[in-house]
Amino acid sequence: MGVGALGVTWRSRLPDGTAVALKRLAAPSREPDPRLEQLQRLGDLGHGNLLGLLSVFQEDGHVWVASRLNDGVSLNRVLEGGRMRPACAVAIGMAVLDGLTALHAVGI
């Protein structure tokens, strides 16, 4: 699906056929990765503006994250179309802030 600063993401399927996003985070390590605890807390959050995590694990030094698949349009793609209407920009900004507030409430 893509490569970014956080790692590589693939579209995958669970045994029941459900489509998911599977991300291998960058920066492998042989030590237990401190991001595991934070990601596991994120999985318990269940906030509507945050992607739902299904599983987080470490294998061969890599942290893997399986999450619900979001087939929405990326903000990058939206911005390629030019300037947003102010009301749209405010709505997106408020949704992002709401998600960040939820993250901060659980110490992430």
Protein backbone atom coordinates (compact mmCIF):
# COMPACT_ATOMS: atom_id res chain seq x y z
CA MET A 1 0.00 0.00 0.00
CA GLY A 2 2.83 2.37 0.73
CA VAL A 3 6.14 3.30 2.29
CA GLY A 4 6.50 6.17 4.73
CA ALA A 5 8.58 7.48 7.59
CA LEU A 6 7.03 4.96 10.00
CA GLY A 7 7.54 1.90 7.84
CA VAL A 8 5.98 -0.21 5.08
CA THR A 9 2.26 -1.01 4.87
CA TRP A 10 0.63 -3.88 3.00
CA ARG A 11 -3.00 -4.76 2.37
CA SER A 12 -3.62 -8.20 3.86
CA ARG A 13 -6.47 -10.54 4.76
CA LEU A 14 -7.34 -12.29 7.99
CA PRO A 15 -8.24 -15.98 7.84
CA ASP A 16 -11.94 -14.99 7.77
CA GLY A 17 -11.31 -12.84 4.66
CA THR A 18 -11.48 -9.45 6.40
CA ALA A 19 -9.17 -6.91 4.71
CA VAL A 20 -6.64 -5.27 7.07
CA ALA A 21 -3.60 -3.02 6.87
CA LEU A 22 -0.37 -4.68 8.02
CA LYS A 23 2.49 -2.30 8.83
CA ARG A 24 6.10 -3.22 9.59
CA LEU A 25 7.54 -0.31 11.54
CA ALA A 26 10.96 1.02 10.63
CA ALA A 27 14.04 0.72 12.85
CA PRO A 28 14.23 -2.97 13.77
CA SER A 29 15.80 -3.86 17.12
CA ARG A 30 16.72 -7.05 18.94
CA GLU A 31 15.63 -5.49 22.26
CA PRO A 32 11.97 -5.29 23.29
CA ASP A 33 10.67 -2.20 21.49
CA PRO A 34 9.25 0.53 23.80
CA ARG A 35 6.66 1.37 21.12
CA LEU A 36 4.91 -1.95 21.80
CA GLU A 37 3.39 -0.80 25.08
CA GLN A 38 2.15 2.47 23.61
CA LEU A 39 0.67 0.75 20.59
CA GLN A 40 -1.08 -1.82 22.75
CA ARG A 41 -2.66 1.00 24.79
CA LEU A 42 -3.73 2.62 21.54
CA GLY A 43 -5.45 -0.61 20.53
CA ASP A 44 -7.59 -0.44 23.68
CA LEU A 45 -8.63 3.16 23.00
CA GLY A 46 -11.37 2.61 20.42
CA HIS A 47 -11.87 6.24 19.33
CA GLY A 48 -13.84 7.06 16.18
CA ASN A 49 -11.16 9.38 14.79
CA LEU A 50 -8.33 6.88 15.27
CA LEU A 51 -7.64 3.78 13.24
CA GLY A 52 -8.61 0.65 15.19
CA LEU A 53 -5.67 -1.63 15.97
CA LEU A 54 -6.31 -5.36 15.83
CA SER A 55 -2.90 -6.70 16.86
CA VAL A 56 0.58 -5.45 17.75
CA PHE A 57 3.57 -7.77 18.01
CA GLN A 58 7.34 -7.97 17.62
CA GLU A 59 8.96 -10.62 15.43
CA ASP A 60 12.57 -10.87 14.24
CA GLY A 61 13.27 -7.43 15.68
CA HIS A 62 10.45 -5.73 13.78
CA VAL A 63 7.30 -4.29 15.30
CA TRP A 64 4.20 -5.24 13.30
CA VAL A 65 0.82 -3.55 13.53
CA ALA A 66 -2.39 -5.01 12.10
CA SER A 67 -5.19 -2.46 11.89
CA ARG A 68 -8.57 -2.00 10.33
CA LEU A 69 -8.27 -0.99 6.71
CA ASN A 70 -9.30 2.59 5.95
CA ASP A 71 -10.11 3.04 2.29
CA GLY A 72 -10.63 6.78 2.71
CA VAL A 73 -8.80 9.51 0.82
CA SER A 74 -5.54 10.73 2.34
CA LEU A 75 -5.16 14.38 3.31
CA ASN A 76 -2.26 14.53 0.87
CA ARG A 77 -4.60 13.53 -1.97
CA VAL A 78 -7.21 16.08 -0.88
CA LEU A 79 -4.61 18.86 -0.88
CA GLU A 80 -3.46 17.92 -4.40
CA GLY A 81 -6.83 19.29 -5.53
CA GLY A 82 -5.94 22.77 -4.32
CA ARG A 83 -7.07 24.85 -1.37
CA MET A 84 -9.82 23.55 0.86
CA ARG A 85 -12.84 25.56 1.77
CA PRO A 86 -12.30 27.06 5.25
CA ALA A 87 -15.20 25.11 6.76
CA CYS A 88 -13.75 21.83 5.47
CA ALA A 89 -10.28 22.67 6.83
CA VAL A 90 -11.77 23.50 10.24
CA ALA A 91 -13.77 20.25 10.33
CA ILE A 92 -10.69 18.16 9.49
CA GLY A 93 -8.56 20.07 12.00
CA MET A 94 -11.14 19.58 14.78
CA ALA A 95 -11.35 15.83 14.05
CA VAL A 96 -7.56 15.53 14.22
CA LEU A 97 -7.47 17.47 17.50
CA ASP A 98 -10.21 15.27 18.95
CA GLY A 99 -8.15 12.16 18.14
CA LEU A 100 -4.99 13.72 19.60
CA THR A 101 -6.87 14.66 22.77
CA ALA A 102 -7.94 11.02 23.18
CA LEU A 103 -4.31 9.89 22.71
CA HIS A 104 -3.03 12.34 25.29
CA ALA A 105 -5.71 11.25 27.76
CA VAL A 106 -4.17 7.75 27.85
CA GLY A 107 -0.59 9.02 27.95
CA ILE A 108 0.38 8.60 24.30
